[in-house]
PDB file of all heavy atoms in Angstrom:
ATOM      1  N   VAL A   1     159.213  16.967  96.242  1.00  0.00           N
ATOM      2  CA  VAL A   1     158.196  17.144  95.211  1.00  0.00           C
ATOM      3  C   VAL A   1     157.414  15.850  95.052  1.00  0.00           C
ATOM      4  O   VAL A   1     157.999  14.780  94.839  1.00  0.00           O
ATOM      5  CB  VAL A   1     158.825  17.544  93.864  1.00  0.00           C
ATOM      6  CG1 VAL A   1     157.747  17.760  92.802  1.00  0.00           C
ATOM      7  CG2 VAL A   1     159.678  18.807  94.025  1.00  0.00           C
ATOM      8  N   GLY A   2     156.076  15.938  95.151  1.00  0.00           N
ATOM      9  CA  GLY A   2     155.233  14.763  94.965  1.00  0.00           C
ATOM     10  C   GLY A   2     154.227  14.595  96.072  1.00  0.00           C
ATOM     11  O   GLY A   2     154.226  15.317  97.069  1.00  0.00           O
ATOM     12  N   GLY A   3     153.351  13.619  95.914  1.00  0.00           N
ATOM     13  CA  GLY A   3     152.342  13.337  96.917  1.00  0.00           C
ATOM     14  C   GLY A   3     151.149  14.271  96.821  1.00  0.00           C
ATOM     15  O   GLY A   3     150.976  15.019  95.874  1.00  0.00           O
ATOM     16  N   ARG A   4     150.322  14.213  97.858  1.00  0.00           N
ATOM     17  CA  ARG A   4     149.071  14.967  97.891  1.00  0.00           C
ATOM     18  C   ARG A   4     149.094  15.985  99.023  1.00  0.00           C
ATOM     19  O   ARG A   4     149.529  15.692 100.133  1.00  0.00           O
ATOM     20  CB  ARG A   4     147.898  14.006  98.075  1.00  0.00           C
ATOM     21  CG  ARG A   4     146.537  14.666  98.192  1.00  0.00           C
ATOM     22  CD  ARG A   4     145.447  13.635  98.488  1.00  0.00           C
ATOM     23  NE  ARG A   4     145.081  12.873  97.305  1.00  0.00           N
ATOM     24  CZ  ARG A   4     145.051  11.542  97.232  1.00  0.00           C
ATOM     25  NH1 ARG A   4     145.407  10.809  98.290  1.00  0.00           N
ATOM     26  NH2 ARG A   4     144.689  10.934  96.115  1.00  0.00           N
ATOM     27  N   GLY A   5     148.622  17.185  98.746  1.00  0.00           N
ATOM     28  CA  GLY A   5     148.381  18.188  99.773  1.00  0.00           C
ATOM     29  C   GLY A   5     146.898  18.279 100.047  1.00  0.00           C
ATOM     30  O   GLY A   5     146.073  17.964  99.180  1.00  0.00           O
ATOM     31  N   VAL A   6     146.528  18.700 101.257  1.00  0.00           N
ATOM     32  CA  VAL A   6     145.113  18.849 101.595  1.00  0.00           C
ATOM     33  C   VAL A   6     144.890  20.193 102.266  1.00  0.00           C
ATOM     34  O   VAL A   6     145.791  20.752 102.903  1.00  0.00           O
ATOM     35  CB  VAL A   6     144.614  17.711 102.505  1.00  0.00           C
ATOM     36  CG1 VAL A   6     144.683  16.364 101.796  1.00  0.00           C
ATOM     37  CG2 VAL A   6     145.386  17.656 103.815  1.00  0.00           C
ATOM     38  N   SER A   7     143.680  20.703 102.111  1.00  0.00           N
ATOM     39  CA  SER A   7     143.292  21.968 102.738  1.00  0.00           C
ATOM     40  C   SER A   7     141.941  21.800 103.401  1.00  0.00           C
ATOM     41  O   SER A   7     141.141  20.936 103.013  1.00  0.00           O
ATOM     42  CB  SER A   7     143.196  23.087 101.690  1.00  0.00           C
ATOM     43  OG  SER A   7     144.409  23.238 100.981  1.00  0.00           O
ATOM     44  N   GLY A   8     141.673  22.645 104.401  1.00  0.00           N
ATOM     45  CA  GLY A   8     140.386  22.596 105.071  1.00  0.00           C
ATOM     46  C   GLY A   8     140.084  23.881 105.797  1.00  0.00           C
ATOM     47  O   GLY A   8     140.935  24.761 105.924  1.00  0.00           O
ATOM     48  N   THR A   9     138.867  23.972 106.303  1.00  0.00           N
ATOM     49  CA  THR A   9     138.448  25.178 107.004  1.00  0.00           C
ATOM     50  C   THR A   9     138.934  25.211 108.443  1.00  0.00           C
ATOM     51  O   THR A   9     138.879  26.260 109.083  1.00  0.00           O
ATOM     52  CB  THR A   9     136.919  25.285 106.995  1.00  0.00           C
ATOM     53  OG1 THR A   9     136.367  24.086 107.559  1.00  0.00           O
ATOM     54  CG2 THR A   9     136.390  25.440 105.578  1.00  0.00           C
ATOM     55  N   ALA A  10     139.391  24.079 108.960  1.00  0.00           N
ATOM     56  CA  ALA A  10     139.851  24.012 110.349  1.00  0.00           C
ATOM     57  C   ALA A  10     141.360  24.193 110.438  1.00  0.00           C
ATOM     58  O   ALA A  10     142.104  23.683 109.595  1.00  0.00           O
ATOM     59  CB  ALA A  10     139.463  22.675 110.975  1.00  0.00           C
ATOM     60  N   PHE A  11     141.817  24.926 111.458  1.00  0.00           N
ATOM     61  CA  PHE A  11     143.248  24.944 111.785  1.00  0.00           C
ATOM     62  C   PHE A  11     143.517  23.631 112.504  1.00  0.00           C
ATOM     63  O   PHE A  11     143.043  23.406 113.617  1.00  0.00           O
ATOM     64  CB  PHE A  11     143.581  26.139 112.677  1.00  0.00           C
ATOM     65  CG  PHE A  11     145.059  26.297 112.921  1.00  0.00           C
ATOM     66  CD1 PHE A  11     145.812  27.186 112.166  1.00  0.00           C
ATOM     67  CD2 PHE A  11     145.709  25.540 113.892  1.00  0.00           C
ATOM     68  CE1 PHE A  11     147.176  27.324 112.367  1.00  0.00           C
ATOM     69  CE2 PHE A  11     147.065  25.663 114.101  1.00  0.00           C
ATOM     70  CZ  PHE A  11     147.803  26.568 113.337  1.00  0.00           C
ATOM     71  N   LEU A  12     144.268  22.752 111.877  1.00  0.00           N
ATOM     72  CA  LEU A  12     144.403  21.388 112.370  1.00  0.00           C
ATOM     73  C   LEU A  12     145.401  21.293 113.514  1.00  0.00           C
ATOM     74  O   LEU A  12     146.586  21.548 113.339  1.00  0.00           O
ATOM     75  CB  LEU A  12     144.824  20.462 111.221  1.00  0.00           C
ATOM     76  CG  LEU A  12     144.929  18.982 111.576  1.00  0.00           C
ATOM     77  CD1 LEU A  12     143.609  18.460 112.135  1.00  0.00           C
ATOM     78  CD2 LEU A  12     145.342  18.177 110.347  1.00  0.00           C
ATOM     79  N   ALA A  13     144.888  20.927 114.674  1.00  0.00           N
ATOM     80  CA  ALA A  13     145.722  20.669 115.848  1.00  0.00           C
ATOM     81  C   ALA A  13     145.256  19.377 116.505  1.00  0.00           C
ATOM     82  O   ALA A  13     145.151  19.281 117.724  1.00  0.00           O
ATOM     83  CB  ALA A  13     145.643  21.839 116.831  1.00  0.00           C
ATOM     84  N   ASN A  14     144.955  18.371 115.684  1.00  0.00           N
ATOM     85  CA  ASN A  14     144.399  17.110 116.150  1.00  0.00           C
ATOM     86  C   ASN A  14     145.234  15.962 115.590  1.00  0.00           C
ATOM     87  O   ASN A  14     145.130  15.635 114.404  1.00  0.00           O
ATOM     88  CB  ASN A  14     142.941  16.988 115.686  1.00  0.00           C
ATOM     89  CG  ASN A  14     142.252  15.753 116.241  1.00  0.00           C
ATOM     90  OD1 ASN A  14     142.771  14.651 116.149  1.00  0.00           O
ATOM     91  ND2 ASN A  14     141.069  15.940 116.796  1.00  0.00           N
ATOM     92  N   PRO A  15     146.090  15.345 116.419  1.00  0.00           N
ATOM     93  CA  PRO A  15     146.956  14.265 115.927  1.00  0.00           C
ATOM     94  C   PRO A  15     146.186  13.101 115.323  1.00  0.00           C
ATOM     95  O   PRO A  15     146.644  12.476 114.366  1.00  0.00           O
ATOM     96  CB  PRO A  15     147.726  13.834 117.174  1.00  0.00           C
ATOM     97  CG  PRO A  15     147.689  15.024 118.075  1.00  0.00           C
ATOM     98  CD  PRO A  15     146.356  15.665 117.831  1.00  0.00           C
ATOM     99  N   GLY A  16     145.000  12.810 115.888  1.00  0.00           N
ATOM    100  CA  GLY A  16     144.208  11.697 115.362  1.00  0.00           C
ATOM    101  C   GLY A  16     143.737  11.950 113.944  1.00  0.00           C
ATOM    102  O   GLY A  16     143.791  11.059 113.084  1.00  0.00           O
ATOM    103  N   TYR A  17     143.284  13.168 113.671  1.00  0.00           N
ATOM    104  CA  TYR A  17     142.817  13.487 112.326  1.00  0.00           C
ATOM    105  C   TYR A  17     143.995  13.580 111.362  1.00  0.00           C
ATOM    106  O   TYR A  17     143.887  13.209 110.195  1.00  0.00           O
ATOM    107  CB  TYR A  17     142.022  14.789 112.329  1.00  0.00           C
ATOM    108  CG  TYR A  17     141.239  15.002 111.048  1.00  0.00           C
ATOM    109  CD1 TYR A  17     140.065  14.295 110.823  1.00  0.00           C
ATOM    110  CD2 TYR A  17     141.685  15.880 110.073  1.00  0.00           C
ATOM    111  CE1 TYR A  17     139.348  14.465 109.645  1.00  0.00           C
ATOM    112  CE2 TYR A  17     140.978  16.052 108.895  1.00  0.00           C
ATOM    113  CZ  TYR A  17     139.806  15.353 108.689  1.00  0.00           C
ATOM    114  OH  TYR A  17     139.105  15.514 107.519  1.00  0.00           O
ATOM    115  N   ARG A  18     145.138  14.076 111.859  1.00  0.00           N
ATOM    116  CA  ARG A  18     146.342  14.103 111.030  1.00  0.00           C
ATOM    117  C   ARG A  18     146.707  12.690 110.581  1.00  0.00           C
ATOM    118  O   ARG A  18     147.013  12.450 109.410  1.00  0.00           O
ATOM    119  CB  ARG A  18     147.501  14.719 111.813  1.00  0.00           C
ATOM    120  CG  ARG A  18     148.807  14.804 111.030  1.00  0.00           C
ATOM    121  CD  ARG A  18     149.940  15.195 111.948  1.00  0.00           C
ATOM    122  NE  ARG A  18     150.322  14.106 112.816  1.00  0.00           N
ATOM    123  CZ  ARG A  18     150.651  14.224 114.100  1.00  0.00           C
ATOM    124  NH1 ARG A  18     150.625  15.394 114.691  1.00  0.00           N
ATOM    125  NH2 ARG A  18     150.992  13.167 114.806  1.00  0.00           N
ATOM    126  N   THR A  19     146.655  11.731 111.493  1.00  0.00           N
ATOM    127  CA  THR A  19     146.957  10.340 111.164  1.00  0.00           C
ATOM    128  C   THR A  19     145.958   9.790 110.155  1.00  0.00           C
ATOM    129  O   THR A  19     146.331   9.060 109.218  1.00  0.00           O
ATOM    130  CB  THR A  19     146.964   9.476 112.440  1.00  0.00           C
ATOM    131  OG1 THR A  19     147.957   9.971 113.340  1.00  0.00           O
ATOM    132  CG2 THR A  19     147.261   8.018 112.118  1.00  0.00           C
ATOM    133  N   TYR A  20     144.686  10.125 110.322  1.00  0.00           N
ATOM    134  CA  TYR A  20     143.638   9.718 109.388  1.00  0.00           C
ATOM    135  C   TYR A  20     143.939  10.225 107.974  1.00  0.00           C
ATOM    136  O   TYR A  20     143.814   9.492 106.995  1.00  0.00           O
ATOM    137  CB  TYR A  20     142.303  10.260 109.892  1.00  0.00           C
ATOM    138  CG  TYR A  20     141.148  10.202 108.922  1.00  0.00           C
ATOM    139  CD1 TYR A  20     140.514   8.999 108.608  1.00  0.00           C
ATOM    140  CD2 TYR A  20     140.658  11.378 108.358  1.00  0.00           C
ATOM    141  CE1 TYR A  20     139.429   8.969 107.732  1.00  0.00           C
ATOM    142  CE2 TYR A  20     139.580  11.361 107.489  1.00  0.00           C
ATOM    143  CZ  TYR A  20     138.965  10.154 107.183  1.00  0.00           C
ATOM    144  OH  TYR A  20     137.886  10.126 106.323  1.00  0.00           O
ATOM    145  N   LEU A  21     144.369  11.484 107.868  1.00  0.00           N
ATOM    146  CA  LEU A  21     144.692  12.046 106.555  1.00  0.00           C
ATOM    147  C   LEU A  21     145.879  11.342 105.919  1.00  0.00           C
ATOM    148  O   LEU A  21     145.906  11.119 104.707  1.00  0.00           O
ATOM    149  CB  LEU A  21     144.987  13.546 106.685  1.00  0.00           C
ATOM    150  CG  LEU A  21     143.819  14.449 107.063  1.00  0.00           C
ATOM    151  CD1 LEU A  21     144.300  15.890 107.241  1.00  0.00           C
ATOM    152  CD2 LEU A  21     142.709  14.387 106.021  1.00  0.00           C
ATOM    153  N   TYR A  22     146.847  11.002 106.739  1.00  0.00           N
ATOM    154  CA  TYR A  22     148.022  10.314 106.200  1.00  0.00           C
ATOM    155  C   TYR A  22     147.701   8.865 105.822  1.00  0.00           C
ATOM    156  O   TYR A  22     148.070   8.396 104.743  1.00  0.00           O
ATOM    157  CB  TYR A  22     149.173  10.346 107.201  1.00  0.00           C
ATOM    158  CG  TYR A  22     150.428   9.695 106.652  1.00  0.00           C
ATOM    159  CD1 TYR A  22     151.118  10.268 105.585  1.00  0.00           C
ATOM    160  CD2 TYR A  22     150.897   8.498 107.180  1.00  0.00           C
ATOM    161  CE1 TYR A  22     152.252   9.665 105.051  1.00  0.00           C
ATOM    162  CE2 TYR A  22     152.033   7.890 106.665  1.00  0.00           C
ATOM    163  CZ  TYR A  22     152.705   8.474 105.600  1.00  0.00           C
ATOM    164  OH  TYR A  22     153.824   7.873 105.067  1.00  0.00           O
ATOM    165  N   ASP A  23     146.980   8.164 106.696  1.00  0.00           N
ATOM    166  CA  ASP A  23     146.683   6.758 106.440  1.00  0.00           C
ATOM    167  C   ASP A  23     145.769   6.570 105.234  1.00  0.00           C
ATOM    168  O   ASP A  23     145.935   5.617 104.464  1.00  0.00           O
ATOM    169  CB  ASP A  23     146.035   6.121 107.671  1.00  0.00           C
ATOM    170  CG  ASP A  23     147.009   5.939 108.823  1.00  0.00           C
ATOM    171  OD1 ASP A  23     148.227   6.053 108.593  1.00  0.00           O
ATOM    172  OD2 ASP A  23     146.538   5.699 109.954  1.00  0.00           O
ATOM    173  N   ASN A  24     144.796   7.457 105.059  1.00  0.00           N
ATOM    174  CA  ASN A  24     143.789   7.267 104.015  1.00  0.00           C
ATOM    175  C   ASN A  24     144.077   8.025 102.723  1.00  0.00           C
ATOM    176  O   ASN A  24     143.598   7.630 101.657  1.00  0.00           O
ATOM    177  CB  ASN A  24     142.412   7.675 104.543  1.00  0.00           C
ATOM    178  CG  ASN A  24     141.894   6.701 105.578  1.00  0.00           C
ATOM    179  OD1 ASN A  24     141.418   5.624 105.247  1.00  0.00           O
ATOM    180  ND2 ASN A  24     142.004   7.078 106.847  1.00  0.00           N
ATOM    181  N   LEU A  25     144.827   9.119 102.820  1.00  0.00           N
ATOM    182  CA  LEU A  25     145.099   9.920 101.630  1.00  0.00           C
ATOM    183  C   LEU A  25     146.588  10.029 101.312  1.00  0.00           C
ATOM    184  O   LEU A  25     146.953  10.622 100.301  1.00  0.00           O
ATOM    185  CB  LEU A  25     144.529  11.340 101.802  1.00  0.00           C
ATOM    186  CG  LEU A  25     143.016  11.447 101.998  1.00  0.00           C
ATOM    187  CD1 LEU A  25     142.628  12.910 102.205  1.00  0.00           C
ATOM    188  CD2 LEU A  25     142.276  10.865 100.802  1.00  0.00           C
ATOM    189  N   GLN A  26     147.435   9.501 102.188  1.00  0.00           N
ATOM    190  CA  GLN A  26     148.881   9.674 102.052  1.00  0.00           C
ATOM    191  C   GLN A  26     149.227  11.165 101.905  1.00  0.00           C
ATOM    192  O   GLN A  26     150.115  11.548 101.138  1.00  0.00           O
ATOM    193  CB  GLN A  26     149.443   8.874 100.877  1.00  0.00           C
ATOM    194  CG  GLN A  26     149.309   7.365 101.034  1.00  0.00           C
ATOM    195  CD  GLN A  26     147.872   6.887 100.823  1.00  0.00           C
ATOM    196  OE1 GLN A  26     147.278   7.168  99.790  1.00  0.00           O
ATOM    197  NE2 GLN A  26     147.319   6.188 101.792  1.00  0.00           N
ATOM    198  N   ALA A  27     148.489  12.002 102.627  1.00  0.00           N
ATOM    199  CA  ALA A  27     148.705  13.448 102.565  1.00  0.00           C
ATOM    200  C   ALA A  27     150.068  13.796 103.134  1.00  0.00           C
ATOM    201  O   ALA A  27     150.535  13.190 104.106  1.00  0.00           O
ATOM    202  CB  ALA A  27     147.619  14.186 103.332  1.00  0.00           C
ATOM    203  N   GLN A  28     150.718  14.784 102.516  1.00  0.00           N
ATOM    204  CA  GLN A  28     152.024  15.242 102.952  1.00  0.00           C
ATOM    205  C   GLN A  28     151.941  16.501 103.801  1.00  0.00           C
ATOM    206  O   GLN A  28     152.756  16.714 104.702  1.00  0.00           O
ATOM    207  CB  GLN A  28     152.908  15.525 101.727  1.00  0.00           C
ATOM    208  CG  GLN A  28     153.106  14.323 100.823  1.00  0.00           C
ATOM    209  CD  GLN A  28     153.834  13.199 101.518  1.00  0.00           C
ATOM    210  OE1 GLN A  28     154.904  13.399 102.094  1.00  0.00           O
ATOM    211  NE2 GLN A  28     153.257  12.006 101.484  1.00  0.00           N
ATOM    212  N   VAL A  29     150.959  17.353 103.516  1.00  0.00           N
ATOM    213  CA  VAL A  29     150.920  18.684 104.097  1.00  0.00           C
ATOM    214  C   VAL A  29     149.471  19.153 104.168  1.00  0.00           C
ATOM    215  O   VAL A  29     148.631  18.736 103.361  1.00  0.00           O
ATOM    216  CB  VAL A  29     151.785  19.651 103.245  1.00  0.00           C
ATOM    217  CG1 VAL A  29     151.280  19.725 101.815  1.00  0.00           C
ATOM    218  CG2 VAL A  29     151.861  21.027 103.844  1.00  0.00           C
ATOM    219  N   VAL A  30     149.161  19.994 105.151  1.00  0.00           N
ATOM    220  CA  VAL A  30     147.800  20.517 105.295  1.00  0.00           C
ATOM    221  C   VAL A  30     147.860  22.025 105.512  1.00  0.00           C
ATOM    222  O   VAL A  30     148.711  22.533 106.243  1.00  0.00           O
ATOM    223  CB  VAL A  30     147.056  19.833 106.464  1.00  0.00           C
ATOM    224  CG1 VAL A  30     147.787  20.013 107.794  1.00  0.00           C
ATOM    225  CG2 VAL A  30     145.621  20.348 106.579  1.00  0.00           C
ATOM    226  N   ASP A  31     146.958  22.736 104.845  1.00  0.00           N
ATOM    227  CA  ASP A  31     146.844  24.179 105.035  1.00  0.00           C
ATOM    228  C   ASP A  31     145.375  24.578 104.918  1.00  0.00           C
ATOM    229  O   ASP A  31     144.492  23.710 104.897  1.00  0.00           O
ATOM    230  CB  ASP A  31     147.729  24.950 104.049  1.00  0.00           C
ATOM    231  CG  ASP A  31     147.312  24.786 102.598  1.00  0.00           C
ATOM    232  OD1 ASP A  31     146.117  24.562 102.313  1.00  0.00           O
ATOM    233  OD2 ASP A  31     148.180  24.899 101.703  1.00  0.00           O
ATOM    234  N   MET A  32     145.124  25.883 104.818  1.00  0.00           N
ATOM    235  CA  MET A  32     143.743  26.368 104.778  1.00  0.00           C
ATOM    236  C   MET A  32     143.421  27.143 103.496  1.00  0.00           C
ATOM    237  O   MET A  32     142.419  27.852 103.455  1.00  0.00           O
ATOM    238  CB  MET A  32     143.475  27.249 106.002  1.00  0.00           C
ATOM    239  CG  MET A  32     143.670  26.536 107.324  1.00  0.00           C
ATOM    240  SD  MET A  32     143.484  27.613 108.769  1.00  0.00           S
ATOM    241  CE  MET A  32     141.724  27.966 108.703  1.00  0.00           C
ATOM    242  N   GLU A  33     144.274  26.993 102.464  1.00  0.00           N
ATOM    243  CA  GLU A  33     144.049  27.787 101.249  1.00  0.00           C
ATOM    244  C   GLU A  33     144.272  27.063  99.924  1.00  0.00           C
ATOM    245  O   GLU A  33     143.527  27.281  98.958  1.00  0.00           O
ATOM    246  CB  GLU A  33     144.970  29.030 101.241  1.00  0.00           C
ATOM    247  CG  GLU A  33     144.759  30.011 102.345  1.00  0.00           C
ATOM    248  CD  GLU A  33     145.504  29.635 103.623  1.00  0.00           C
ATOM    249  OE1 GLU A  33     146.543  28.939 103.522  1.00  0.00           O
ATOM    250  OE2 GLU A  33     145.049  30.032 104.702  1.00  0.00           O
ATOM    251  N   THR A  34     145.305  26.221  99.822  1.00  0.00           N
ATOM    252  CA  THR A  34     145.804  25.836  98.501  1.00  0.00           C
ATOM    253  C   THR A  34     144.814  25.043  97.667  1.00  0.00           C
ATOM    254  O   THR A  34     144.725  25.237  96.439  1.00  0.00           O
ATOM    255  CB  THR A  34     147.122  25.058  98.618  1.00  0.00           C
ATOM    256  OG1 THR A  34     148.055  25.817  99.375  1.00  0.00           O
ATOM    257  CG2 THR A  34     147.716  24.797  97.251  1.00  0.00           C
ATOM    258  N   ALA A  35     144.048  24.128  98.250  1.00  0.00           N
ATOM    259  CA  ALA A  35     143.114  23.339  97.451  1.00  0.00           C
ATOM    260  C   ALA A  35     142.031  24.226  96.837  1.00  0.00           C
ATOM    261  O   ALA A  35     141.589  23.984  95.709  1.00  0.00           O
ATOM    262  CB  ALA A  35     142.486  22.232  98.300  1.00  0.00           C
ATOM    263  N   ALA A  36     141.608  25.262  97.558  1.00  0.00           N
ATOM    264  CA  ALA A  36     140.635  26.199  96.998  1.00  0.00           C
ATOM    265  C   ALA A  36     141.260  26.995  95.856  1.00  0.00           C
ATOM    266  O   ALA A  36     140.635  27.203  94.809  1.00  0.00           O
ATOM    267  CB  ALA A  36     140.136  27.141  98.089  1.00  0.00           C
ATOM    268  N   PHE A  37     142.478  27.448  96.054  1.00  0.00           N
ATOM    269  CA  PHE A  37     143.256  28.113  95.010  1.00  0.00           C
ATOM    270  C   PHE A  37     143.369  27.207  93.780  1.00  0.00           C
ATOM    271  O   PHE A  37     143.211  27.651  92.634  1.00  0.00           O
ATOM    272  CB  PHE A  37     144.621  28.454  95.607  1.00  0.00           C
ATOM    273  CG  PHE A  37     145.759  28.671  94.661  1.00  0.00           C
ATOM    274  CD1 PHE A  37     146.065  29.942  94.195  1.00  0.00           C
ATOM    275  CD2 PHE A  37     146.579  27.615  94.280  1.00  0.00           C
ATOM    276  CE1 PHE A  37     147.153  30.155  93.346  1.00  0.00           C
ATOM    277  CE2 PHE A  37     147.664  27.812  93.442  1.00  0.00           C
ATOM    278  CZ  PHE A  37     147.948  29.092  92.970  1.00  0.00           C
ATOM    279  N   ALA A  38     143.618  25.915  94.017  1.00  0.00           N
ATOM    280  CA  ALA A  38     143.764  24.954  92.929  1.00  0.00           C
ATOM    281  C   ALA A  38     142.456  24.763  92.173  1.00  0.00           C
ATOM    282  O   ALA A  38     142.451  24.601  90.942  1.00  0.00           O
ATOM    283  CB  ALA A  38     144.248  23.613  93.480  1.00  0.00           C
ATOM    284  N   GLN A  39     141.335  24.787  92.888  1.00  0.00           N
ATOM    285  CA  GLN A  39     140.043  24.642  92.216  1.00  0.00           C
ATOM    286  C   GLN A  39     139.754  25.845  91.321  1.00  0.00           C
ATOM    287  O   GLN A  39     139.234  25.693  90.217  1.00  0.00           O
ATOM    288  CB  GLN A  39     138.911  24.470  93.234  1.00  0.00           C
ATOM    289  CG  GLN A  39     137.548  24.276  92.576  1.00  0.00           C
ATOM    290  CD  GLN A  39     136.481  23.807  93.534  1.00  0.00           C
ATOM    291  OE1 GLN A  39     136.779  23.186  94.564  1.00  0.00           O
ATOM    292  NE2 GLN A  39     135.235  24.082  93.217  1.00  0.00           N
ATOM    293  N   VAL A  40     140.098  27.045  91.776  1.00  0.00           N
ATOM    294  CA  VAL A  40     139.938  28.236  90.943  1.00  0.00           C
ATOM    295  C   VAL A  40     140.812  28.128  89.702  1.00  0.00           C
ATOM    296  O   VAL A  40     140.382  28.442  88.584  1.00  0.00           O
ATOM    297  CB  VAL A  40     140.276  29.515  91.738  1.00  0.00           C
ATOM    298  CG1 VAL A  40     140.242  30.744  90.828  1.00  0.00           C
ATOM    299  CG2 VAL A  40     139.299  29.710  92.898  1.00  0.00           C
ATOM    300  N   ALA A  41     142.049  27.673  89.866  1.00  0.00           N
ATOM    301  CA  ALA A  41     142.944  27.491  88.726  1.00  0.00           C
ATOM    302  C   ALA A  41     142.351  26.500  87.731  1.00  0.00           C
ATOM    303  O   ALA A  41     142.356  26.736  86.519  1.00  0.00           O
ATOM    304  CB  ALA A  41     144.319  27.014  89.203  1.00  0.00           C
ATOM    305  N   TYR A  42     141.830  25.388  88.243  1.00  0.00           N
ATOM    306  CA  TYR A  42     141.243  24.366  87.372  1.00  0.00           C
ATOM    307  C   TYR A  42     140.032  24.914  86.623  1.00  0.00           C
ATOM    308  O   TYR A  42     139.891  24.691  85.406  1.00  0.00           O
ATOM    309  CB  TYR A  42     140.840  23.148  88.210  1.00  0.00           C
ATOM    310  CG  TYR A  42     140.160  22.064  87.420  1.00  0.00           C
ATOM    311  CD1 TYR A  42     140.906  21.142  86.683  1.00  0.00           C
ATOM    312  CD2 TYR A  42     138.770  21.955  87.409  1.00  0.00           C
ATOM    313  CE1 TYR A  42     140.282  20.145  85.948  1.00  0.00           C
ATOM    314  CE2 TYR A  42     138.136  20.964  86.674  1.00  0.00           C
ATOM    315  CZ  TYR A  42     138.890  20.066  85.946  1.00  0.00           C
ATOM    316  OH  TYR A  42     138.269  19.088  85.212  1.00  0.00           O
TER     317      TYR A  42
END
């Protein structure tokens, strides 16, 4: 429990971009739905 999750329109299969997300956002997990779901909730 904790940290930041990220979502996007792309199915992520790019190790370089994964590293970018971790290095700059300390992201823990990536999917294609939850952040949009979270914005609707907010």
